[in-house]
Amino acid sequence: MSGCENKELDTKPELVIGLTGGIGTNFKQVRNIIKNALINEYNYQVLEIKLSKIHDEILESNCSTESDDNKSLNNLLKKMNKCNELRKATGKKELYAIMAVSRIKKT
C-alpha cells in the first residue's frame, strides 16, 4: 500500500505495508484506517502505490482493449492474460514484486 516516512524527523523507520486481494477487492476502508492511523497517530507521511496502476502503465503499450471501460470483465481478463505472458517471457513469477520494489525505490 505505501512507503511512509516521518514528516518532521528522520528518526522513525520507513514502513512498507502491502495489501493484496483478488480482482475487484475493495480495500478503500482498510486503506483509509491504516492511512489515518499512520498520519494522525504516528505523524507519518503516506504514499500509496497501486500495482494495478503500474500494471496499466506497463500494459498500455502491450495490450489493446476494445472499450474505454477498463473495469469490464473482458478487459480485465485480457490484462491478466497479458501479465501472465509477460511473466512467462521474463521467466519471473515475481514480476509484480519486482515492479512494486522498483516503484518504492523511485519515491
PDB file of N, CA and C in Angstrom:
ATOM      1  N   MET A   1       0.805  -1.173   0.000  1.00  0.00           N
ATOM      2  CA  MET A   1       0.000   0.000   0.000  1.00  0.00           C
ATOM      3  C   MET A   1       0.853   1.242   0.000  1.00  0.00           C
ATOM      4  N   SER A   2       1.836   1.311   0.868  1.00  0.00           N
ATOM      5  CA  SER A   2       2.507   2.584   0.962  1.00  0.00           C
ATOM      6  C   SER A   2       3.902   2.454   1.525  1.00  0.00           C
ATOM      7  N   GLY A   3       4.759   3.394   1.143  1.00  0.00           N
ATOM      8  CA  GLY A   3       6.028   3.626   1.786  1.00  0.00           C
ATOM      9  C   GLY A   3       5.814   4.864   2.609  1.00  0.00           C
ATOM     10  N   CYS A   4       6.252   4.874   3.856  1.00  0.00           N
ATOM     11  CA  CYS A   4       5.973   6.010   4.725  1.00  0.00           C
ATOM     12  C   CYS A   4       7.260   6.533   5.319  1.00  0.00           C
ATOM     13  N   GLU A   5       7.301   7.821   5.495  1.00  0.00           N
ATOM     14  CA  GLU A   5       8.436   8.405   6.185  1.00  0.00           C
ATOM     15  C   GLU A   5       7.936   9.490   7.099  1.00  0.00           C
ATOM     16  N   ASN A   6       8.694   9.807   8.135  1.00  0.00           N
ATOM     17  CA  ASN A   6       8.310  10.798   9.118  1.00  0.00           C
ATOM     18  C   ASN A   6       8.306  12.181   8.500  1.00  0.00           C
ATOM     19  N   LYS A   7       7.290  12.990   8.812  1.00  0.00           N
ATOM     20  CA  LYS A   7       7.196  14.351   8.290  1.00  0.00           C
ATOM     21  C   LYS A   7       8.232  15.273   8.927  1.00  0.00           C
ATOM     22  N   GLU A   8       8.470  15.116  10.234  1.00  0.00           N
ATOM     23  CA  GLU A   8       9.306  16.069  10.959  1.00  0.00           C
ATOM     24  C   GLU A   8      10.733  15.564  11.208  1.00  0.00           C
ATOM     25  N   LEU A   9      10.863  14.341  11.587  1.00  0.00           N
ATOM     26  CA  LEU A   9      12.169  13.799  11.951  1.00  0.00           C
ATOM     27  C   LEU A   9      12.489  12.587  11.096  1.00  0.00           C
ATOM     28  N   ASP A  10      13.749  12.357  10.877  1.00  0.00           N
ATOM     29  CA  ASP A  10      14.168  11.175  10.136  1.00  0.00           C
ATOM     30  C   ASP A  10      14.508  10.031  11.076  1.00  0.00           C
ATOM     31  N   THR A  11      14.002  10.088  12.301  1.00  0.00           N
ATOM     32  CA  THR A  11      14.343   9.060  13.280  1.00  0.00           C
ATOM     33  C   THR A  11      13.402   7.864  13.246  1.00  0.00           C
ATOM     34  N   LYS A  12      12.234   8.012  12.631  1.00  0.00           N
ATOM     35  CA  LYS A  12      11.309   6.884  12.534  1.00  0.00           C
ATOM     36  C   LYS A  12      11.668   6.041  11.320  1.00  0.00           C
ATOM     37  N   PRO A  13      11.485   4.736  11.433  1.00  0.00           N
ATOM     38  CA  PRO A  13      11.804   3.874  10.292  1.00  0.00           C
ATOM     39  C   PRO A  13      10.794   4.038   9.165  1.00  0.00           C
ATOM     40  N   GLU A  14      11.245   3.729   7.964  1.00  0.00           N
ATOM     41  CA  GLU A  14      10.340   3.689   6.824  1.00  0.00           C
ATOM     42  C   GLU A  14       9.503   2.428   6.931  1.00  0.00           C
ATOM     43  N   LEU A  15       8.232   2.554   6.623  1.00  0.00           N
ATOM     44  CA  LEU A  15       7.320   1.414   6.673  1.00  0.00           C
ATOM     45  C   LEU A  15       6.808   1.113   5.274  1.00  0.00           C
ATOM     46  N   VAL A  16       6.678  -0.150   4.972  1.00  0.00           N
ATOM     47  CA  VAL A  16       6.040  -0.574   3.728  1.00  0.00           C
ATOM     48  C   VAL A  16       4.968  -1.575   4.122  1.00  0.00           C
ATOM     49  N   ILE A  17       3.733  -1.246   3.784  1.00  0.00           N
ATOM     50  CA  ILE A  17       2.605  -2.108   4.111  1.00  0.00           C
ATOM     51  C   ILE A  17       1.951  -2.522   2.802  1.00  0.00           C
ATOM     52  N   GLY A  18       1.769  -3.798   2.587  1.00  0.00           N
ATOM     53  CA  GLY A  18       1.163  -4.281   1.351  1.00  0.00           C
ATOM     54  C   GLY A  18      -0.172  -4.948   1.609  1.00  0.00           C
ATOM     55  N   LEU A  19      -1.147  -4.613   0.788  1.00  0.00           N
ATOM     56  CA  LEU A  19      -2.453  -5.266   0.829  1.00  0.00           C
ATOM     57  C   LEU A  19      -2.653  -5.980  -0.495  1.00  0.00           C
ATOM     58  N   THR A  20      -3.126  -7.199  -0.441  1.00  0.00           N
ATOM     59  CA  THR A  20      -3.333  -7.952  -1.664  1.00  0.00           C
ATOM     60  C   THR A  20      -4.665  -8.683  -1.618  1.00  0.00           C
ATOM     61  N   GLY A  21      -5.289  -8.791  -2.777  1.00  0.00           N
ATOM     62  CA  GLY A  21      -6.569  -9.483  -2.852  1.00  0.00           C
ATOM     63  C   GLY A  21      -6.938  -9.746  -4.295  1.00  0.00           C
ATOM     64  N   GLY A  22      -8.021 -10.419  -4.479  1.00  0.00           N
ATOM     65  CA  GLY A  22      -8.487 -10.743  -5.817  1.00  0.00           C
ATOM     66  C   GLY A  22      -9.003  -9.524  -6.554  1.00  0.00           C
ATOM     67  N   ILE A  23      -9.200  -9.685  -7.839  1.00  0.00           N
ATOM     68  CA  ILE A  23      -9.722  -8.606  -8.669  1.00  0.00           C
ATOM     69  C   ILE A  23     -11.060  -8.142  -8.105  1.00  0.00           C
ATOM     70  N   GLY A  24     -11.199  -6.834  -7.995  1.00  0.00           N
ATOM     71  CA  GLY A  24     -12.442  -6.256  -7.512  1.00  0.00           C
ATOM     72  C   GLY A  24     -12.513  -6.115  -6.001  1.00  0.00           C
ATOM     73  N   THR A  25     -11.490  -6.575  -5.285  1.00  0.00           N
ATOM     74  CA  THR A  25     -11.484  -6.433  -3.836  1.00  0.00           C
ATOM     75  C   THR A  25     -11.415  -4.955  -3.492  1.00  0.00           C
ATOM     76  N   ASN A  26     -12.305  -4.506  -2.643  1.00  0.00           N
ATOM     77  CA  ASN A  26     -12.347  -3.107  -2.259  1.00  0.00           C
ATOM     78  C   ASN A  26     -11.584  -2.920  -0.946  1.00  0.00           C
ATOM     79  N   PHE A  27     -10.416  -2.317  -1.046  1.00  0.00           N
ATOM     80  CA  PHE A  27      -9.581  -2.075   0.126  1.00  0.00           C
ATOM     81  C   PHE A  27      -9.733  -0.660   0.673  1.00  0.00           C
ATOM     82  N   LYS A  28     -10.663   0.100   0.139  1.00  0.00           N
ATOM     83  CA  LYS A  28     -10.761   1.516   0.484  1.00  0.00           C
ATOM     84  C   LYS A  28     -10.872   1.739   1.996  1.00  0.00           C
ATOM     85  N   GLN A  29     -11.772   1.027   2.665  1.00  0.00           N
ATOM     86  CA  GLN A  29     -11.965   1.229   4.097  1.00  0.00           C
ATOM     87  C   GLN A  29     -10.715   0.829   4.887  1.00  0.00           C
ATOM     88  N   VAL A  30     -10.156  -0.309   4.587  1.00  0.00           N
ATOM     89  CA  VAL A  30      -8.943  -0.771   5.284  1.00  0.00           C
ATOM     90  C   VAL A  30      -7.793   0.201   5.034  1.00  0.00           C
ATOM     91  N   ARG A  31      -7.636   0.601   3.764  1.00  0.00           N
ATOM     92  CA  ARG A  31      -6.582   1.544   3.390  1.00  0.00           C
ATOM     93  C   ARG A  31      -6.735   2.856   4.162  1.00  0.00           C
ATOM     94  N   ASN A  32      -7.955   3.354   4.261  1.00  0.00           N
ATOM     95  CA  ASN A  32      -8.192   4.612   4.968  1.00  0.00           C
ATOM     96  C   ASN A  32      -7.903   4.507   6.462  1.00  0.00           C
ATOM     97  N   ILE A  33      -8.264   3.386   7.072  1.00  0.00           N
ATOM     98  CA  ILE A  33      -7.980   3.190   8.501  1.00  0.00           C
ATOM     99  C   ILE A  33      -6.481   3.199   8.749  1.00  0.00           C
ATOM    100  N   ILE A  34      -5.734   2.452   7.948  1.00  0.00           N
ATOM    101  CA  ILE A  34      -4.276   2.393   8.107  1.00  0.00           C
ATOM    102  C   ILE A  34      -3.661   3.761   7.846  1.00  0.00           C
ATOM    103  N   LYS A  35      -4.073   4.387   6.763  1.00  0.00           N
ATOM    104  CA  LYS A  35      -3.537   5.699   6.380  1.00  0.00           C
ATOM    105  C   LYS A  35      -3.797   6.739   7.481  1.00  0.00           C
ATOM    106  N   ASN A  36      -5.024   6.803   7.969  1.00  0.00           N
ATOM    107  CA  ASN A  36      -5.359   7.775   9.011  1.00  0.00           C
ATOM    108  C   ASN A  36      -4.589   7.531  10.298  1.00  0.00           C
ATOM    109  N   ALA A  37      -4.408   6.270  10.662  1.00  0.00           N
ATOM    110  CA  ALA A  37      -3.647   5.952  11.877  1.00  0.00           C
ATOM    111  C   ALA A  37      -2.195   6.391  11.725  1.00  0.00           C
ATOM    112  N   LEU A  38      -1.599   6.107  10.581  1.00  0.00           N
ATOM    113  CA  LEU A  38      -0.200   6.483  10.368  1.00  0.00           C
ATOM    114  C   LEU A  38      -0.018   8.007  10.376  1.00  0.00           C
ATOM    115  N   ILE A  39      -0.945   8.703   9.764  1.00  0.00           N
ATOM    116  CA  ILE A  39      -0.838  10.168   9.684  1.00  0.00           C
ATOM    117  C   ILE A  39      -1.170  10.811  11.029  1.00  0.00           C
ATOM    118  N   ASN A  40      -2.315  10.470  11.594  1.00  0.00           N
ATOM    119  CA  ASN A  40      -2.813  11.162  12.781  1.00  0.00           C
ATOM    120  C   ASN A  40      -2.171  10.717  14.084  1.00  0.00           C
ATOM    121  N   GLU A  41      -1.876   9.430  14.202  1.00  0.00           N
ATOM    122  CA  GLU A  41      -1.339   8.923  15.456  1.00  0.00           C
ATOM    123  C   GLU A  41       0.183   8.853  15.490  1.00  0.00           C
ATOM    124  N   TYR A  42       0.813   8.677  14.326  1.00  0.00           N
ATOM    125  CA  TYR A  42       2.257   8.483  14.299  1.00  0.00           C
ATOM    126  C   TYR A  42       3.004   9.533  13.494  1.00  0.00           C
ATOM    127  N   ASN A  43       2.260  10.488  12.922  1.00  0.00           N
ATOM    128  CA  ASN A  43       2.862  11.600  12.192  1.00  0.00           C
ATOM    129  C   ASN A  43       3.728  11.141  11.009  1.00  0.00           C
ATOM    130  N   TYR A  44       3.233  10.132  10.306  1.00  0.00           N
ATOM    131  CA  TYR A  44       3.926   9.648   9.117  1.00  0.00           C
ATOM    132  C   TYR A  44       3.314  10.270   7.864  1.00  0.00           C
ATOM    133  N   GLN A  45       4.124  10.381   6.844  1.00  0.00           N
ATOM    134  CA  GLN A  45       3.638  10.761   5.523  1.00  0.00           C
ATOM    135  C   GLN A  45       3.341   9.460   4.777  1.00  0.00           C
ATOM    136  N   VAL A  46       2.209   9.391   4.102  1.00  0.00           N
ATOM    137  CA  VAL A  46       1.793   8.161   3.435  1.00  0.00           C
ATOM    138  C   VAL A  46       1.811   8.359   1.923  1.00  0.00           C
ATOM    139  N   LEU A  47       2.408   7.423   1.245  1.00  0.00           N
ATOM    140  CA  LEU A  47       2.425   7.408  -0.204  1.00  0.00           C
ATOM    141  C   LEU A  47       1.823   6.081  -0.651  1.00  0.00           C
ATOM    142  N   GLU A  48       0.721   6.150  -1.383  1.00  0.00           N
ATOM    143  CA  GLU A  48       0.077   4.931  -1.862  1.00  0.00           C
ATOM    144  C   GLU A  48       0.611   4.572  -3.244  1.00  0.00           C
ATOM    145  N   ILE A  49       0.946   3.314  -3.410  1.00  0.00           N
ATOM    146  CA  ILE A  49       1.394   2.785  -4.697  1.00  0.00           C
ATOM    147  C   ILE A  49       0.467   1.630  -5.036  1.00  0.00           C
ATOM    148  N   LYS A  50      -0.260   1.757  -6.138  1.00  0.00           N
ATOM    149  CA  LYS A  50      -1.183   0.703  -6.548  1.00  0.00           C
ATOM    150  C   LYS A  50      -0.569  -0.088  -7.693  1.00  0.00           C
ATOM    151  N   LEU A  51      -0.397  -1.378  -7.466  1.00  0.00           N
ATOM    152  CA  LEU A  51       0.154  -2.228  -8.519  1.00  0.00           C
ATOM    153  C   LEU A  51      -0.763  -2.270  -9.733  1.00  0.00           C
ATOM    154  N   SER A  52      -2.052  -2.107  -9.520  1.00  0.00           N
ATOM    155  CA  SER A  52      -2.967  -2.104 -10.664  1.00  0.00           C
ATOM    156  C   SER A  52      -2.665  -0.921 -11.588  1.00  0.00           C
ATOM    157  N   LYS A  53      -2.230   0.195 -11.028  1.00  0.00           N
ATOM    158  CA  LYS A  53      -1.861   1.362 -11.849  1.00  0.00           C
ATOM    159  C   LYS A  53      -0.563   1.084 -12.607  1.00  0.00           C
ATOM    160  N   ILE A  54       0.407   0.467 -11.928  1.00  0.00           N
ATOM    161  CA  ILE A  54       1.665   0.103 -12.580  1.00  0.00           C
ATOM    162  C   ILE A  54       1.368  -0.904 -13.686  1.00  0.00           C
ATOM    163  N   HIS A  55       0.507  -1.850 -13.375  1.00  0.00           N
ATOM    164  CA  HIS A  55       0.059  -2.866 -14.331  1.00  0.00           C
ATOM    165  C   HIS A  55      -0.475  -2.182 -15.591  1.00  0.00           C
ATOM    166  N   ASP A  56      -1.358  -1.198 -15.414  1.00  0.00           N
ATOM    167  CA  ASP A  56      -1.948  -0.495 -16.557  1.00  0.00           C
ATOM    168  C   ASP A  56      -0.899   0.268 -17.359  1.00  0.00           C
ATOM    169  N   GLU A  57       0.069   0.893 -16.657  1.00  0.00           N
ATOM    170  CA  GLU A  57       1.140   1.629 -17.347  1.00  0.00           C
ATOM    171  C   GLU A  57       1.954   0.698 -18.238  1.00  0.00           C
ATOM    172  N   ILE A  58       2.285  -0.461 -17.718  1.00  0.00           N
ATOM    173  CA  ILE A  58       3.100  -1.417 -18.467  1.00  0.00           C
ATOM    174  C   ILE A  58       2.325  -1.987 -19.643  1.00  0.00           C
ATOM    175  N   LEU A  59       1.069  -2.290 -19.415  1.00  0.00           N
ATOM    176  CA  LEU A  59       0.273  -2.927 -20.456  1.00  0.00           C
ATOM    177  C   LEU A  59      -0.243  -1.948 -21.501  1.00  0.00           C
ATOM    178  N   GLU A  60      -0.205  -0.663 -21.199  1.00  0.00           N
ATOM    179  CA  GLU A  60      -0.709   0.339 -22.135  1.00  0.00           C
ATOM    180  C   GLU A  60      -0.147   0.142 -23.538  1.00  0.00           C
ATOM    181  N   SER A  61       1.132  -0.094 -23.606  1.00  0.00           N
ATOM    182  CA  SER A  61       1.761  -0.255 -24.909  1.00  0.00           C
ATOM    183  C   SER A  61       1.763  -1.703 -25.398  1.00  0.00           C
ATOM    184  N   ASN A  62       1.383  -2.621 -24.513  1.00  0.00           N
ATOM    185  CA  ASN A  62       1.450  -4.037 -24.869  1.00  0.00           C
ATOM    186  C   ASN A  62       0.106  -4.721 -25.025  1.00  0.00           C
ATOM    187  N   CYS A  63      -0.970  -4.056 -24.634  1.00  0.00           N
ATOM    188  CA  CYS A  63      -2.276  -4.730 -24.644  1.00  0.00           C
ATOM    189  C   CYS A  63      -3.355  -3.732 -25.014  1.00  0.00           C
ATOM    190  N   SER A  64      -4.002  -3.954 -26.133  1.00  0.00           N
ATOM    191  CA  SER A  64      -5.104  -3.073 -26.507  1.00  0.00           C
ATOM    192  C   SER A  64      -6.393  -3.618 -25.911  1.00  0.00           C
ATOM    193  N   THR A  65      -7.298  -2.712 -25.620  1.00  0.00           N
ATOM    194  CA  THR A  65      -8.601  -3.111 -25.104  1.00  0.00           C
ATOM    195  C   THR A  65      -9.649  -2.638 -26.085  1.00  0.00           C
ATOM    196  N   GLU A  66     -10.800  -3.309 -26.084  1.00  0.00           N
ATOM    197  CA  GLU A  66     -11.793  -2.985 -27.095  1.00  0.00           C
ATOM    198  C   GLU A  66     -12.780  -1.915 -26.669  1.00  0.00           C
ATOM    199  N   SER A  67     -12.749  -1.471 -25.406  1.00  0.00           N
ATOM    200  CA  SER A  67     -13.636  -0.400 -24.978  1.00  0.00           C
ATOM    201  C   SER A  67     -12.916   0.500 -23.993  1.00  0.00           C
ATOM    202  N   ASP A  68     -13.535   1.630 -23.683  1.00  0.00           N
ATOM    203  CA  ASP A  68     -12.959   2.553 -22.717  1.00  0.00           C
ATOM    204  C   ASP A  68     -13.209   2.099 -21.289  1.00  0.00           C
ATOM    205  N   ASP A  69     -14.024   1.100 -21.107  1.00  0.00           N
ATOM    206  CA  ASP A  69     -14.373   0.631 -19.777  1.00  0.00           C
ATOM    207  C   ASP A  69     -13.309  -0.336 -19.267  1.00  0.00           C
ATOM    208  N   ASN A  70     -12.291   0.200 -18.566  1.00  0.00           N
ATOM    209  CA  ASN A  70     -11.189  -0.629 -18.084  1.00  0.00           C
ATOM    210  C   ASN A  70     -11.619  -1.580 -16.979  1.00  0.00           C
ATOM    211  N   LYS A  71     -12.816  -1.424 -16.445  1.00  0.00           N
ATOM    212  CA  LYS A  71     -13.296  -2.304 -15.386  1.00  0.00           C
ATOM    213  C   LYS A  71     -14.054  -3.503 -15.952  1.00  0.00           C
ATOM    214  N   SER A  72     -14.289  -3.538 -17.241  1.00  0.00           N
ATOM    215  CA  SER A  72     -15.069  -4.637 -17.802  1.00  0.00           C
ATOM    216  C   SER A  72     -14.320  -5.954 -17.639  1.00  0.00           C
ATOM    217  N   LEU A  73     -15.084  -6.996 -17.443  1.00  0.00           N
ATOM    218  CA  LEU A  73     -14.504  -8.321 -17.238  1.00  0.00           C
ATOM    219  C   LEU A  73     -13.615  -8.726 -18.400  1.00  0.00           C
ATOM    220  N   ASN A  74     -14.050  -8.460 -19.619  1.00  0.00           N
ATOM    221  CA  ASN A  74     -13.277  -8.827 -20.797  1.00  0.00           C
ATOM    222  C   ASN A  74     -11.897  -8.151 -20.781  1.00  0.00           C
ATOM    223  N   ASN A  75     -11.866  -6.863 -20.474  1.00  0.00           N
ATOM    224  CA  ASN A  75     -10.588  -6.149 -20.439  1.00  0.00           C
ATOM    225  C   ASN A  75      -9.702  -6.625 -19.297  1.00  0.00           C
ATOM    226  N   LEU A  76     -10.306  -6.901 -18.141  1.00  0.00           N
ATOM    227  CA  LEU A  76      -9.521  -7.411 -17.013  1.00  0.00           C
ATOM    228  C   LEU A  76      -8.896  -8.758 -17.359  1.00  0.00           C
ATOM    229  N   LEU A  77      -9.664  -9.616 -17.998  1.00  0.00           N
ATOM    230  CA  LEU A  77      -9.132 -10.925 -18.391  1.00  0.00           C
ATOM    231  C   LEU A  77      -8.004 -10.776 -19.408  1.00  0.00           C
ATOM    232  N   LYS A  78      -8.155  -9.856 -20.358  1.00  0.00           N
ATOM    233  CA  LYS A  78      -7.086  -9.609 -21.333  1.00  0.00           C
ATOM    234  C   LYS A  78      -5.817  -9.132 -20.643  1.00  0.00           C
ATOM    235  N   LYS A  79      -5.980  -8.216 -19.687  1.00  0.00           N
ATOM    236  CA  LYS A  79      -4.811  -7.701 -18.965  1.00  0.00           C
ATOM    237  C   LYS A  79      -4.144  -8.798 -18.142  1.00  0.00           C
ATOM    238  N   MET A  80      -4.951  -9.624 -17.484  1.00  0.00           N
ATOM    239  CA  MET A  80      -4.389 -10.726 -16.703  1.00  0.00           C
ATOM    240  C   MET A  80      -3.620 -11.691 -17.602  1.00  0.00           C
ATOM    241  N   ASN A  81      -4.197 -12.019 -18.751  1.00  0.00           N
ATOM    242  CA  ASN A  81      -3.514 -12.915 -19.686  1.00  0.00           C
ATOM    243  C   ASN A  81      -2.208 -12.300 -20.175  1.00  0.00           C
ATOM    244  N   LYS A  82      -2.225 -10.997 -20.468  1.00  0.00           N
ATOM    245  CA  LYS A  82      -1.005 -10.326 -20.932  1.00  0.00           C
ATOM    246  C   LYS A  82       0.061 -10.343 -19.840  1.00  0.00           C
ATOM    247  N   CYS A  83      -0.350 -10.135 -18.596  1.00  0.00           N
ATOM    248  CA  CYS A  83       0.622 -10.195 -17.495  1.00  0.00           C
ATOM    249  C   CYS A  83       1.204 -11.592 -17.341  1.00  0.00           C
ATOM    250  N   ASN A  84       0.370 -12.601 -17.504  1.00  0.00           N
ATOM    251  CA  ASN A  84       0.881 -13.973 -17.443  1.00  0.00           C
ATOM    252  C   ASN A  84       1.893 -14.211 -18.562  1.00  0.00           C
ATOM    253  N   GLU A  85       1.612 -13.659 -19.740  1.00  0.00           N
ATOM    254  CA  GLU A  85       2.561 -13.767 -20.855  1.00  0.00           C
ATOM    255  C   GLU A  85       3.875 -13.054 -20.522  1.00  0.00           C
ATOM    256  N   LEU A  86       3.782 -11.878 -19.911  1.00  0.00           N
ATOM    257  CA  LEU A  86       4.998 -11.134 -19.534  1.00  0.00           C
ATOM    258  C   LEU A  86       5.806 -11.906 -18.494  1.00  0.00           C
ATOM    259  N   ARG A  87       5.122 -12.496 -17.512  1.00  0.00           N
ATOM    260  CA  ARG A  87       5.825 -13.309 -16.512  1.00  0.00           C
ATOM    261  C   ARG A  87       6.539 -14.480 -17.182  1.00  0.00           C
ATOM    262  N   LYS A  88       5.840 -15.121 -18.098  1.00  0.00           N
ATOM    263  CA  LYS A  88       6.421 -16.268 -18.799  1.00  0.00           C
ATOM    264  C   LYS A  88       7.601 -15.837 -19.663  1.00  0.00           C
ATOM    265  N   ALA A  89       7.450 -14.710 -20.379  1.00  0.00           N
ATOM    266  CA  ALA A  89       8.515 -14.216 -21.256  1.00  0.00           C
ATOM    267  C   ALA A  89       9.757 -13.820 -20.468  1.00  0.00           C
ATOM    268  N   THR A  90       9.550 -13.245 -19.274  1.00  0.00           N
ATOM    269  CA  THR A  90      10.696 -12.820 -18.464  1.00  0.00           C
ATOM    270  C   THR A  90      11.236 -13.958 -17.609  1.00  0.00           C
ATOM    271  N   GLY A  91      10.432 -15.014 -17.451  1.00  0.00           N
ATOM    272  CA  GLY A  91      10.838 -16.114 -16.585  1.00  0.00           C
ATOM    273  C   GLY A  91      10.792 -15.733 -15.113  1.00  0.00           C
ATOM    274  N   LYS A  92      10.029 -14.681 -14.810  1.00  0.00           N
ATOM    275  CA  LYS A  92       9.964 -14.184 -13.432  1.00  0.00           C
ATOM    276  C   LYS A  92       8.531 -14.221 -12.913  1.00  0.00           C
ATOM    277  N   LYS A  93       8.259 -15.204 -12.071  1.00  0.00           N
ATOM    278  CA  LYS A  93       6.944 -15.274 -11.446  1.00  0.00           C
ATOM    279  C   LYS A  93       6.744 -14.120 -10.466  1.00  0.00           C
ATOM    280  N   GLU A  94       7.855 -13.559 -10.004  1.00  0.00           N
ATOM    281  CA  GLU A  94       7.817 -12.482  -9.023  1.00  0.00           C
ATOM    282  C   GLU A  94       7.798 -11.105  -9.688  1.00  0.00           C
ATOM    283  N   LEU A  95       7.372 -11.042 -10.936  1.00  0.00           N
ATOM    284  CA  LEU A  95       7.401  -9.801 -11.707  1.00  0.00           C
ATOM    285  C   LEU A  95       6.713  -8.642 -10.987  1.00  0.00           C
ATOM    286  N   TYR A  96       5.545  -8.881 -10.403  1.00  0.00           N
ATOM    287  CA  TYR A  96       4.834  -7.807  -9.702  1.00  0.00           C
ATOM    288  C   TYR A  96       5.594  -7.345  -8.466  1.00  0.00           C
ATOM    289  N   ALA A  97       6.214  -8.241  -7.760  1.00  0.00           N
ATOM    290  CA  ALA A  97       7.010  -7.853  -6.596  1.00  0.00           C
ATOM    291  C   ALA A  97       8.182  -6.963  -7.025  1.00  0.00           C
ATOM    292  N   ILE A  98       8.808  -7.314  -8.130  1.00  0.00           N
ATOM    293  CA  ILE A  98       9.913  -6.505  -8.658  1.00  0.00           C
ATOM    294  C   ILE A  98       9.410  -5.119  -9.048  1.00  0.00           C
ATOM    295  N   MET A  99       8.238  -5.066  -9.691  1.00  0.00           N
ATOM    296  CA  MET A  99       7.674  -3.775 -10.076  1.00  0.00           C
ATOM    297  C   MET A  99       7.371  -2.913  -8.855  1.00  0.00           C
ATOM    298  N   ALA A 100       6.836  -3.533  -7.813  1.00  0.00           N
ATOM    299  CA  ALA A 100       6.496  -2.798  -6.590  1.00  0.00           C
ATOM    300  C   ALA A 100       7.744  -2.235  -5.924  1.00  0.00           C
ATOM    301  N   VAL A 101       8.771  -3.051  -5.784  1.00  0.00           N
ATOM    302  CA  VAL A 101      10.020  -2.600  -5.166  1.00  0.00           C
ATOM    303  C   VAL A 101      10.652  -1.491  -5.986  1.00  0.00           C
ATOM    304  N   SER A 102      10.624  -1.632  -7.292  1.00  0.00           N
ATOM    305  CA  SER A 102      11.164  -0.597  -8.177  1.00  0.00           C
ATOM    306  C   SER A 102      10.445   0.717  -7.980  1.00  0.00           C
ATOM    307  N   ARG A 103       9.120   0.695  -7.900  1.00  0.00           N
ATOM    308  CA  ARG A 103       8.341   1.917  -7.719  1.00  0.00           C
ATOM    309  C   ARG A 103       8.609   2.537  -6.352  1.00  0.00           C
ATOM    310  N   ILE A 104       8.741   1.705  -5.327  1.00  0.00           N
ATOM    311  CA  ILE A 104       9.045   2.223  -3.979  1.00  0.00           C
ATOM    312  C   ILE A 104      10.396   2.909  -3.966  1.00  0.00           C
ATOM    313  N   LYS A 105      11.391   2.320  -4.636  1.00  0.00           N
ATOM    314  CA  LYS A 105      12.736   2.904  -4.682  1.00  0.00           C
ATOM    315  C   LYS A 105      12.728   4.254  -5.386  1.00  0.00           C
ATOM    316  N   LYS A 106      11.843   4.437  -6.377  1.00  0.00           N
ATOM    317  CA  LYS A 106      11.785   5.699  -7.122  1.00  0.00           C
ATOM    318  C   LYS A 106      11.203   6.847  -6.290  1.00  0.00           C
ATOM    319  N   THR A 107      10.498   6.517  -5.225  1.00  0.00           N
ATOM    320  CA  THR A 107       9.848   7.566  -4.439  1.00  0.00           C
ATOM    321  C   THR A 107      10.723   8.072  -3.328  1.00  0.00           C
TER     322      THR A 107
END
